[in-house]
Amino acid sequence: MGEIVFVGLGLHDEMGISLRGLEEIKTANNVFIELYTNLMPDFSKENLEKISGKKLQIVSREELEERSGKLILERAETGKVVLLVPGDPLIATTHVALRIHAEKLGIKTRVVHGASILSAVMGLSGLHNYKFGKSVTIPLPSENPSETPYEVIAQNKRLGLHTLCLLDVKVEENRYMEIHEGLGSLLKIEEKRKEKNVMMDTLVLGIARAGSNNPTVKAGFLKDLLTYDFGDPPHSIIFPGKLHFMEAEALIVLSGAPDSLREMVE
């Protein structure tokens, strides 16, 4: 049996891969890459092929999820296979399922981690990472919108914890939820439930293009962020919980939050 090495690509372009990850590509028999679980704005498949000297074969959502990675597993029976994944390779549950399946078949697996949107956004926010509660994804609009994001925010709020909201992406359809859309979706749920968890005067932090050289990080009241220009995706939202004085100072200095935030420290 061969092996599958899951390699994280990082967040923004082909330069985000680690040196270890690059070496794994160079010594692989087959290299696959999926680009549907997250948007990497400046990623170039051609540049990474030049850097690594290997041809990269794109695998679709259908191949990895509906066919359970059959092609990758077949190639790994007799050689070394690398699967390249945006961000950190095992954040997406699809890839965890593939790793479990491979191990059950007797195929060895290894992981080369990459920068994760979770750690990047938390770091850019200036908020203490150990004060984040459960994270959630706000889905793109549908006929039956999920109220789960609102419920997670409410739950974390009761505990005084911060909530990271990842915004839905459908790379195959070139659809990427933006911050104003995510906030609008939550406001519609608030209008229905009237629990006062997501209001116009709620403190919110928006982050765009984490991991790039020009991320946009802006904190303020929800009514102000609804019209703020965050630029190109990917976007994320944080609903801060109870603030330590250092967290409040970070939001003011690093994210342009109003000075009145100092009065909200508990």
C-alpha atoms as a PDB file:
ATOM      1  CA  MET A   1       0.000   0.000   0.000  1.00  0.00           C
ATOM      2  CA  GLY A   2       1.030   3.594  -0.629  1.00  0.00           C
ATOM      3  CA  GLU A   3      -0.049   6.669   1.290  1.00  0.00           C
ATOM      4  CA  ILE A   4      -2.085   9.860   1.134  1.00  0.00           C
ATOM      5  CA  VAL A   5      -0.564  13.092   2.393  1.00  0.00           C
ATOM      6  CA  PHE A   6      -3.067  15.877   3.084  1.00  0.00           C
ATOM      7  CA  VAL A   7      -1.328  19.219   2.513  1.00  0.00           C
ATOM      8  CA  GLY A   8      -2.712  22.640   3.437  1.00  0.00           C
ATOM      9  CA  LEU A   9      -2.306  25.411   0.862  1.00  0.00           C
ATOM     10  CA  GLY A  10      -2.831  28.332   3.225  1.00  0.00           C
ATOM     11  CA  LEU A  11      -5.282  31.137   2.604  1.00  0.00           C
ATOM     12  CA  HIS A  12      -4.527  33.461  -0.291  1.00  0.00           C
ATOM     13  CA  ASP A  13      -2.154  32.280  -3.028  1.00  0.00           C
ATOM     14  CA  GLU A  14       0.292  29.523  -3.948  1.00  0.00           C
ATOM     15  CA  MET A  15       2.985  31.091  -1.740  1.00  0.00           C
ATOM     16  CA  GLY A  16       1.030  30.083   1.360  1.00  0.00           C
ATOM     17  CA  ILE A  17       2.105  26.449   1.186  1.00  0.00           C
ATOM     18  CA  SER A  18       4.809  25.411   3.655  1.00  0.00           C
ATOM     19  CA  LEU A  19       8.282  24.228   2.630  1.00  0.00           C
ATOM     20  CA  ARG A  20       7.398  20.799   4.011  1.00  0.00           C
ATOM     21  CA  GLY A  21       4.237  20.761   1.928  1.00  0.00           C
ATOM     22  CA  LEU A  22       6.202  21.676  -1.196  1.00  0.00           C
ATOM     23  CA  GLU A  23       8.648  18.830  -0.587  1.00  0.00           C
ATOM     24  CA  GLU A  24       5.751  16.389  -0.254  1.00  0.00           C
ATOM     25  CA  ILE A  25       4.502  17.440  -3.701  1.00  0.00           C
ATOM     26  CA  LYS A  26       7.918  16.980  -5.273  1.00  0.00           C
ATOM     27  CA  THR A  27       8.183  13.391  -4.032  1.00  0.00           C
ATOM     28  CA  ALA A  28       4.615  12.329  -4.857  1.00  0.00           C
ATOM     29  CA  ASN A  29       3.537   9.983  -7.625  1.00  0.00           C
ATOM     30  CA  ASN A  30       0.212  11.774  -8.029  1.00  0.00           C
ATOM     31  CA  VAL A  31      -0.878  15.227  -6.852  1.00  0.00           C
ATOM     32  CA  PHE A  32      -4.539  16.161  -6.581  1.00  0.00           C
ATOM     33  CA  ILE A  33      -5.968  19.550  -5.646  1.00  0.00           C
ATOM     34  CA  GLU A  34      -9.456  20.613  -4.612  1.00  0.00           C
ATOM     35  CA  LEU A  35     -10.445  24.258  -4.820  1.00  0.00           C
ATOM     36  CA  TYR A  36     -14.123  24.153  -3.880  1.00  0.00           C
ATOM     37  CA  THR A  37     -14.076  24.291  -0.070  1.00  0.00           C
ATOM     38  CA  ASN A  38     -12.740  27.838   0.082  1.00  0.00           C
ATOM     39  CA  LEU A  39     -11.773  30.787  -2.085  1.00  0.00           C
ATOM     40  CA  MET A  40      -8.067  31.539  -2.536  1.00  0.00           C
ATOM     41  CA  PRO A  41      -8.261  34.897  -4.376  1.00  0.00           C
ATOM     42  CA  ASP A  42      -4.793  34.986  -5.981  1.00  0.00           C
ATOM     43  CA  PHE A  43      -4.033  31.269  -6.229  1.00  0.00           C
ATOM     44  CA  SER A  44      -2.393  30.139  -9.482  1.00  0.00           C
ATOM     45  CA  LYS A  45      -2.363  26.427 -10.270  1.00  0.00           C
ATOM     46  CA  GLU A  46       0.104  27.072 -13.067  1.00  0.00           C
ATOM     47  CA  ASN A  47       2.565  28.862 -10.768  1.00  0.00           C
ATOM     48  CA  LEU A  48       2.464  26.055  -8.213  1.00  0.00           C
ATOM     49  CA  GLU A  49       3.094  23.530 -10.987  1.00  0.00           C
ATOM     50  CA  LYS A  50       6.165  25.514 -12.059  1.00  0.00           C
ATOM     51  CA  ILE A  51       7.450  25.790  -8.484  1.00  0.00           C
ATOM     52  CA  SER A  52       6.915  22.114  -7.671  1.00  0.00           C
ATOM     53  CA  GLY A  53       7.650  20.578 -11.058  1.00  0.00           C
ATOM     54  CA  LYS A  54       4.513  18.441 -10.782  1.00  0.00           C
ATOM     55  CA  LYS A  55       1.213  18.381 -12.635  1.00  0.00           C
ATOM     56  CA  LEU A  56      -1.765  19.091 -10.386  1.00  0.00           C
ATOM     57  CA  GLN A  57      -5.014  17.267 -11.107  1.00  0.00           C
ATOM     58  CA  ILE A  58      -8.149  19.095  -9.951  1.00  0.00           C
ATOM     59  CA  VAL A  59     -10.734  16.963  -8.140  1.00  0.00           C
ATOM     60  CA  SER A  60     -14.340  18.055  -7.840  1.00  0.00           C
ATOM     61  CA  ARG A  61     -16.793  18.038  -4.961  1.00  0.00           C
ATOM     62  CA  GLU A  62     -18.523  15.140  -6.711  1.00  0.00           C
ATOM     63  CA  GLU A  63     -15.316  13.067  -6.775  1.00  0.00           C
ATOM     64  CA  LEU A  64     -14.499  13.625  -3.108  1.00  0.00           C
ATOM     65  CA  GLU A  65     -17.983  13.559  -1.610  1.00  0.00           C
ATOM     66  CA  GLU A  66     -20.293  11.522  -3.845  1.00  0.00           C
ATOM     67  CA  ARG A  67     -17.619   9.059  -4.982  1.00  0.00           C
ATOM     68  CA  SER A  68     -15.807   9.072  -1.611  1.00  0.00           C
ATOM     69  CA  GLY A  69     -12.471   9.926  -3.215  1.00  0.00           C
ATOM     70  CA  LYS A  70     -12.386   6.686  -5.206  1.00  0.00           C
ATOM     71  CA  LEU A  71      -9.787   7.926  -7.712  1.00  0.00           C
ATOM     72  CA  ILE A  72      -7.443   9.135  -4.965  1.00  0.00           C
ATOM     73  CA  LEU A  73      -7.783   5.887  -3.031  1.00  0.00           C
ATOM     74  CA  GLU A  74      -7.039   3.827  -6.143  1.00  0.00           C
ATOM     75  CA  ARG A  75      -3.845   5.788  -6.860  1.00  0.00           C
ATOM     76  CA  ALA A  76      -2.795   5.511  -3.198  1.00  0.00           C
ATOM     77  CA  GLU A  77      -2.912   1.716  -3.332  1.00  0.00           C
ATOM     78  CA  THR A  78       0.415   1.610  -5.157  1.00  0.00           C
ATOM     79  CA  GLY A  79       2.099   4.984  -4.622  1.00  0.00           C
ATOM     80  CA  LYS A  80       2.315   8.262  -2.765  1.00  0.00           C
ATOM     81  CA  VAL A  81      -0.584  10.630  -3.322  1.00  0.00           C
ATOM     82  CA  VAL A  82      -0.772  14.258  -2.193  1.00  0.00           C
ATOM     83  CA  LEU A  83      -4.122  15.993  -1.807  1.00  0.00           C
ATOM     84  CA  LEU A  84      -3.822  19.784  -1.727  1.00  0.00           C
ATOM     85  CA  VAL A  85      -6.539  21.627   0.198  1.00  0.00           C
ATOM     86  CA  PRO A  86      -7.189  25.359   0.800  1.00  0.00           C
ATOM     87  CA  GLY A  87      -6.417  26.455   4.357  1.00  0.00           C
ATOM     88  CA  ASP A  88      -5.726  23.661   6.813  1.00  0.00           C
ATOM     89  CA  PRO A  89      -6.470  20.307   5.143  1.00  0.00           C
ATOM     90  CA  LEU A  90      -8.681  18.718   7.788  1.00  0.00           C
ATOM     91  CA  ILE A  91     -10.935  21.652   8.670  1.00  0.00           C
ATOM     92  CA  ALA A  92     -13.333  20.419   5.982  1.00  0.00           C
ATOM     93  CA  THR A  93     -15.142  17.312   7.277  1.00  0.00           C
ATOM     94  CA  THR A  94     -15.084  15.841   3.748  1.00  0.00           C
ATOM     95  CA  HIS A  95     -11.364  15.284   4.053  1.00  0.00           C
ATOM     96  CA  VAL A  96     -11.635  13.720   7.498  1.00  0.00           C
ATOM     97  CA  ALA A  97     -14.024  11.175   6.003  1.00  0.00           C
ATOM     98  CA  LEU A  98     -11.528  10.418   3.225  1.00  0.00           C
ATOM     99  CA  ARG A  99      -8.714   9.951   5.749  1.00  0.00           C
ATOM    100  CA  ILE A 100     -10.808   7.542   7.825  1.00  0.00           C
ATOM    101  CA  HIS A 101     -11.745   5.570   4.714  1.00  0.00           C
ATOM    102  CA  ALA A 102      -8.104   5.331   3.628  1.00  0.00           C
ATOM    103  CA  GLU A 103      -6.906   4.097   7.027  1.00  0.00           C
ATOM    104  CA  LYS A 104      -9.626   1.427   7.072  1.00  0.00           C
ATOM    105  CA  LEU A 105      -8.325   0.209   3.711  1.00  0.00           C
ATOM    106  CA  GLY A 106      -4.808  -0.006   5.113  1.00  0.00           C
ATOM    107  CA  ILE A 107      -3.555   3.100   3.306  1.00  0.00           C
ATOM    108  CA  LYS A 108      -1.225   5.211   5.446  1.00  0.00           C
ATOM    109  CA  THR A 109      -2.141   8.880   5.864  1.00  0.00           C
ATOM    110  CA  ARG A 110      -0.221  11.947   7.010  1.00  0.00           C
ATOM    111  CA  VAL A 111      -1.065  15.631   7.416  1.00  0.00           C
ATOM    112  CA  VAL A 112       0.942  18.760   6.606  1.00  0.00           C
ATOM    113  CA  HIS A 113      -0.964  21.626   8.161  1.00  0.00           C
ATOM    114  CA  GLY A 114      -1.481  25.032   6.609  1.00  0.00           C
ATOM    115  CA  ALA A 115      -2.701  28.411   7.833  1.00  0.00           C
ATOM    116  CA  SER A 116      -6.355  28.163   8.847  1.00  0.00           C
ATOM    117  CA  ILE A 117      -9.079  30.769   8.402  1.00  0.00           C
ATOM    118  CA  LEU A 118      -9.988  30.122  12.038  1.00  0.00           C
ATOM    119  CA  SER A 119      -6.634  31.128  13.503  1.00  0.00           C
ATOM    120  CA  ALA A 120      -6.068  33.892  10.929  1.00  0.00           C
ATOM    121  CA  VAL A 121      -9.359  35.662  11.606  1.00  0.00           C
ATOM    122  CA  MET A 122      -9.020  35.308  15.366  1.00  0.00           C
ATOM    123  CA  GLY A 123      -5.504  36.710  15.192  1.00  0.00           C
ATOM    124  CA  LEU A 124      -6.473  39.689  13.037  1.00  0.00           C
ATOM    125  CA  SER A 125      -9.375  40.514  15.347  1.00  0.00           C
ATOM    126  CA  GLY A 126      -7.160  41.141  18.379  1.00  0.00           C
ATOM    127  CA  LEU A 127      -9.647  39.174  20.484  1.00  0.00           C
ATOM    128  CA  HIS A 128      -8.458  36.457  22.871  1.00  0.00           C
ATOM    129  CA  ASN A 129      -8.721  33.128  21.078  1.00  0.00           C
ATOM    130  CA  TYR A 130      -9.666  31.196  24.216  1.00  0.00           C
ATOM    131  CA  LYS A 131     -12.797  33.341  24.562  1.00  0.00           C
ATOM    132  CA  PHE A 132     -14.338  32.143  21.300  1.00  0.00           C
ATOM    133  CA  GLY A 133     -17.297  29.827  21.560  1.00  0.00           C
ATOM    134  CA  LYS A 134     -18.808  27.614  18.887  1.00  0.00           C
ATOM    135  CA  SER A 135     -18.250  28.875  15.329  1.00  0.00           C
ATOM    136  CA  VAL A 136     -20.897  28.679  12.605  1.00  0.00           C
ATOM    137  CA  THR A 137     -21.365  29.166   8.858  1.00  0.00           C
ATOM    138  CA  ILE A 138     -24.029  31.535   7.556  1.00  0.00           C
ATOM    139  CA  PRO A 139     -25.462  29.894   4.423  1.00  0.00           C
ATOM    140  CA  LEU A 140     -26.293  31.656   1.192  1.00  0.00           C
ATOM    141  CA  PRO A 141     -29.978  32.677   0.893  1.00  0.00           C
ATOM    142  CA  SER A 142     -32.478  29.874   0.291  1.00  0.00           C
ATOM    143  CA  GLU A 143     -36.212  29.244   0.472  1.00  0.00           C
ATOM    144  CA  ASN A 144     -35.856  27.767   3.960  1.00  0.00           C
ATOM    145  CA  PRO A 145     -33.075  29.771   5.672  1.00  0.00           C
ATOM    146  CA  SER A 146     -31.383  28.121   8.622  1.00  0.00           C
ATOM    147  CA  GLU A 147     -31.736  29.808  12.012  1.00  0.00           C
ATOM    148  CA  THR A 148     -28.721  27.918  13.388  1.00  0.00           C
ATOM    149  CA  PRO A 149     -26.293  30.876  13.007  1.00  0.00           C
ATOM    150  CA  TYR A 150     -28.612  33.097  15.053  1.00  0.00           C
ATOM    151  CA  GLU A 151     -28.980  30.415  17.733  1.00  0.00           C
ATOM    152  CA  VAL A 152     -25.204  29.935  17.985  1.00  0.00           C
ATOM    153  CA  ILE A 153     -24.661  33.684  18.388  1.00  0.00           C
ATOM    154  CA  ALA A 154     -27.345  33.775  21.102  1.00  0.00           C
ATOM    155  CA  GLN A 155     -25.832  30.805  22.932  1.00  0.00           C
ATOM    156  CA  ASN A 156     -22.319  32.249  22.904  1.00  0.00           C
ATOM    157  CA  LYS A 157     -23.653  35.649  23.924  1.00  0.00           C
ATOM    158  CA  ARG A 158     -25.250  34.166  27.046  1.00  0.00           C
ATOM    159  CA  LEU A 159     -21.850  32.726  27.963  1.00  0.00           C
ATOM    160  CA  GLY A 160     -19.994  35.980  27.221  1.00  0.00           C
ATOM    161  CA  LEU A 161     -18.096  34.325  24.350  1.00  0.00           C
ATOM    162  CA  HIS A 162     -17.162  35.594  20.894  1.00  0.00           C
ATOM    163  CA  THR A 163     -18.775  34.037  17.807  1.00  0.00           C
ATOM    164  CA  LEU A 164     -16.946  33.514  14.532  1.00  0.00           C
ATOM    165  CA  CYS A 165     -19.332  33.378  11.565  1.00  0.00           C
ATOM    166  CA  LEU A 166     -17.838  31.987   8.376  1.00  0.00           C
ATOM    167  CA  LEU A 167     -19.724  33.058   5.259  1.00  0.00           C
ATOM    168  CA  ASP A 168     -20.883  30.505   2.721  1.00  0.00           C
ATOM    169  CA  VAL A 169     -19.008  30.061  -0.553  1.00  0.00           C
ATOM    170  CA  LYS A 170     -19.918  28.105  -3.664  1.00  0.00           C
ATOM    171  CA  VAL A 171     -16.744  28.300  -5.713  1.00  0.00           C
ATOM    172  CA  GLU A 172     -18.182  26.241  -8.578  1.00  0.00           C
ATOM    173  CA  GLU A 173     -20.986  28.807  -8.999  1.00  0.00           C
ATOM    174  CA  ASN A 174     -18.739  31.826  -8.339  1.00  0.00           C
ATOM    175  CA  ARG A 175     -20.978  32.812  -5.403  1.00  0.00           C
ATOM    176  CA  TYR A 176     -19.465  34.231  -2.233  1.00  0.00           C
ATOM    177  CA  MET A 177     -21.538  35.644   0.611  1.00  0.00           C
ATOM    178  CA  GLU A 178     -20.436  39.120   1.700  1.00  0.00           C
ATOM    179  CA  ILE A 179     -20.623  40.685   5.139  1.00  0.00           C
ATOM    180  CA  HIS A 180     -23.650  42.876   4.452  1.00  0.00           C
ATOM    181  CA  GLU A 181     -25.543  39.812   3.163  1.00  0.00           C
ATOM    182  CA  GLY A 182     -24.683  37.773   6.244  1.00  0.00           C
ATOM    183  CA  LEU A 183     -25.773  40.567   8.554  1.00  0.00           C
ATOM    184  CA  GLY A 184     -28.967  41.061   6.557  1.00  0.00           C
ATOM    185  CA  SER A 185     -29.790  37.372   6.889  1.00  0.00           C
ATOM    186  CA  LEU A 186     -29.358  37.533  10.672  1.00  0.00           C
ATOM    187  CA  LEU A 187     -31.476  40.690  10.908  1.00  0.00           C
ATOM    188  CA  LYS A 188     -34.341  38.888   9.171  1.00  0.00           C
ATOM    189  CA  ILE A 189     -34.185  36.137  11.785  1.00  0.00           C
ATOM    190  CA  GLU A 190     -34.051  38.758  14.560  1.00  0.00           C
ATOM    191  CA  GLU A 191     -37.149  40.415  13.097  1.00  0.00           C
ATOM    192  CA  LYS A 192     -38.933  37.081  13.332  1.00  0.00           C
ATOM    193  CA  ARG A 193     -37.704  35.980  16.774  1.00  0.00           C
ATOM    194  CA  LYS A 194     -37.360  39.360  18.490  1.00  0.00           C
ATOM    195  CA  GLU A 195     -34.796  38.113  21.042  1.00  0.00           C
ATOM    196  CA  LYS A 196     -32.496  41.153  20.696  1.00  0.00           C
ATOM    197  CA  ASN A 197     -29.357  39.187  19.891  1.00  0.00           C
ATOM    198  CA  VAL A 198     -28.621  40.862  16.538  1.00  0.00           C
ATOM    199  CA  MET A 199     -29.610  44.526  16.594  1.00  0.00           C
ATOM    200  CA  MET A 200     -28.555  47.655  14.706  1.00  0.00           C
ATOM    201  CA  ASP A 201     -26.490  48.748  17.732  1.00  0.00           C
ATOM    202  CA  THR A 202     -24.821  45.334  18.185  1.00  0.00           C
ATOM    203  CA  LEU A 203     -21.010  45.388  18.088  1.00  0.00           C
ATOM    204  CA  VAL A 204     -19.720  43.515  15.041  1.00  0.00           C
ATOM    205  CA  LEU A 205     -16.310  42.899  13.469  1.00  0.00           C
ATOM    206  CA  GLY A 206     -15.930  42.237   9.755  1.00  0.00           C
ATOM    207  CA  ILE A 207     -12.809  40.753   8.151  1.00  0.00           C
ATOM    208  CA  ALA A 208     -12.064  40.340   4.449  1.00  0.00           C
ATOM    209  CA  ARG A 209      -9.218  38.470   2.707  1.00  0.00           C
ATOM    210  CA  ALA A 210      -7.541  37.113   5.823  1.00  0.00           C
ATOM    211  CA  GLY A 211      -4.107  35.775   4.924  1.00  0.00           C
ATOM    212  CA  SER A 212      -3.490  38.300   2.143  1.00  0.00           C
ATOM    213  CA  ASN A 213      -1.188  41.329   2.195  1.00  0.00           C
ATOM    214  CA  ASN A 214      -4.177  43.674   2.308  1.00  0.00           C
ATOM    215  CA  PRO A 215      -6.882  42.307   4.624  1.00  0.00           C
ATOM    216  CA  THR A 216      -9.703  44.638   5.626  1.00  0.00           C
ATOM    217  CA  VAL A 217     -10.553  44.573   9.335  1.00  0.00           C
ATOM    218  CA  LYS A 218     -13.332  46.830  10.588  1.00  0.00           C
ATOM    219  CA  ALA A 219     -15.233  46.864  13.885  1.00  0.00           C
ATOM    220  CA  GLY A 220     -18.278  48.953  14.667  1.00  0.00           C
ATOM    221  CA  PHE A 221     -21.993  48.834  15.202  1.00  0.00           C
ATOM    222  CA  LEU A 222     -23.976  46.617  12.884  1.00  0.00           C
ATOM    223  CA  LYS A 223     -25.804  49.552  11.255  1.00  0.00           C
ATOM    224  CA  ASP A 224     -22.442  50.987  10.147  1.00  0.00           C
ATOM    225  CA  LEU A 225     -21.018  47.721   8.822  1.00  0.00           C
ATOM    226  CA  LEU A 226     -24.080  47.127   6.651  1.00  0.00           C
ATOM    227  CA  THR A 227     -22.844  49.809   4.254  1.00  0.00           C
ATOM    228  CA  TYR A 228     -19.071  49.508   4.795  1.00  0.00           C
ATOM    229  CA  ASP A 229     -17.049  48.526   1.711  1.00  0.00           C
ATOM    230  CA  PHE A 230     -14.986  45.467   2.632  1.00  0.00           C
ATOM    231  CA  GLY A 231     -13.813  44.858  -0.915  1.00  0.00           C
ATOM    232  CA  ASP A 232     -13.367  41.447  -2.475  1.00  0.00           C
ATOM    233  CA  PRO A 233     -14.161  38.156  -0.684  1.00  0.00           C
ATOM    234  CA  PRO A 234     -13.692  35.928   1.206  1.00  0.00           C
ATOM    235  CA  HIS A 235     -15.454  37.626   4.141  1.00  0.00           C
ATOM    236  CA  SER A 236     -15.993  36.634   7.783  1.00  0.00           C
ATOM    237  CA  ILE A 237     -17.936  38.120  10.694  1.00  0.00           C
ATOM    238  CA  ILE A 238     -17.240  38.107  14.427  1.00  0.00           C
ATOM    239  CA  PHE A 239     -19.794  38.951  17.105  1.00  0.00           C
ATOM    240  CA  PRO A 240     -17.715  39.860  20.183  1.00  0.00           C
ATOM    241  CA  GLY A 241     -18.874  38.727  23.625  1.00  0.00           C
ATOM    242  CA  LYS A 242     -17.716  40.233  26.905  1.00  0.00           C
ATOM    243  CA  LEU A 243     -14.580  42.282  26.343  1.00  0.00           C
ATOM    244  CA  HIS A 244     -11.349  42.408  28.304  1.00  0.00           C
ATOM    245  CA  PHE A 245      -9.879  45.926  28.301  1.00  0.00           C
ATOM    246  CA  MET A 246      -7.048  44.746  26.033  1.00  0.00           C
ATOM    247  CA  GLU A 247      -9.557  43.334  23.543  1.00  0.00           C
ATOM    248  CA  ALA A 248     -11.464  46.626  23.479  1.00  0.00           C
ATOM    249  CA  GLU A 249      -8.218  48.514  22.888  1.00  0.00           C
ATOM    250  CA  ALA A 250      -7.308  46.148  20.040  1.00  0.00           C
ATOM    251  CA  LEU A 251     -10.674  46.697  18.355  1.00  0.00           C
ATOM    252  CA  ILE A 252     -10.273  50.471  18.634  1.00  0.00           C
ATOM    253  CA  VAL A 253      -6.640  50.677  17.489  1.00  0.00           C
ATOM    254  CA  LEU A 254      -6.499  47.824  14.984  1.00  0.00           C
ATOM    255  CA  SER A 255     -10.065  47.741  13.672  1.00  0.00           C
ATOM    256  CA  GLY A 256     -11.301  51.319  13.870  1.00  0.00           C
ATOM    257  CA  ALA A 257     -13.973  50.655  16.479  1.00  0.00           C
ATOM    258  CA  PRO A 258     -15.480  53.724  18.190  1.00  0.00           C
ATOM    259  CA  ASP A 259     -13.715  55.011  21.315  1.00  0.00           C
ATOM    260  CA  SER A 260     -16.944  54.485  23.287  1.00  0.00           C
ATOM    261  CA  LEU A 261     -16.090  50.773  23.216  1.00  0.00           C
ATOM    262  CA  ARG A 262     -13.862  51.325  26.261  1.00  0.00           C
ATOM    263  CA  GLU A 263     -17.033  51.930  28.247  1.00  0.00           C
ATOM    264  CA  MET A 264     -18.353  48.490  27.280  1.00  0.00           C
ATOM    265  CA  VAL A 265     -15.539  46.589  29.033  1.00  0.00           C
ATOM    266  CA  GLU A 266     -16.820  44.214  31.727  1.00  0.00           C
END
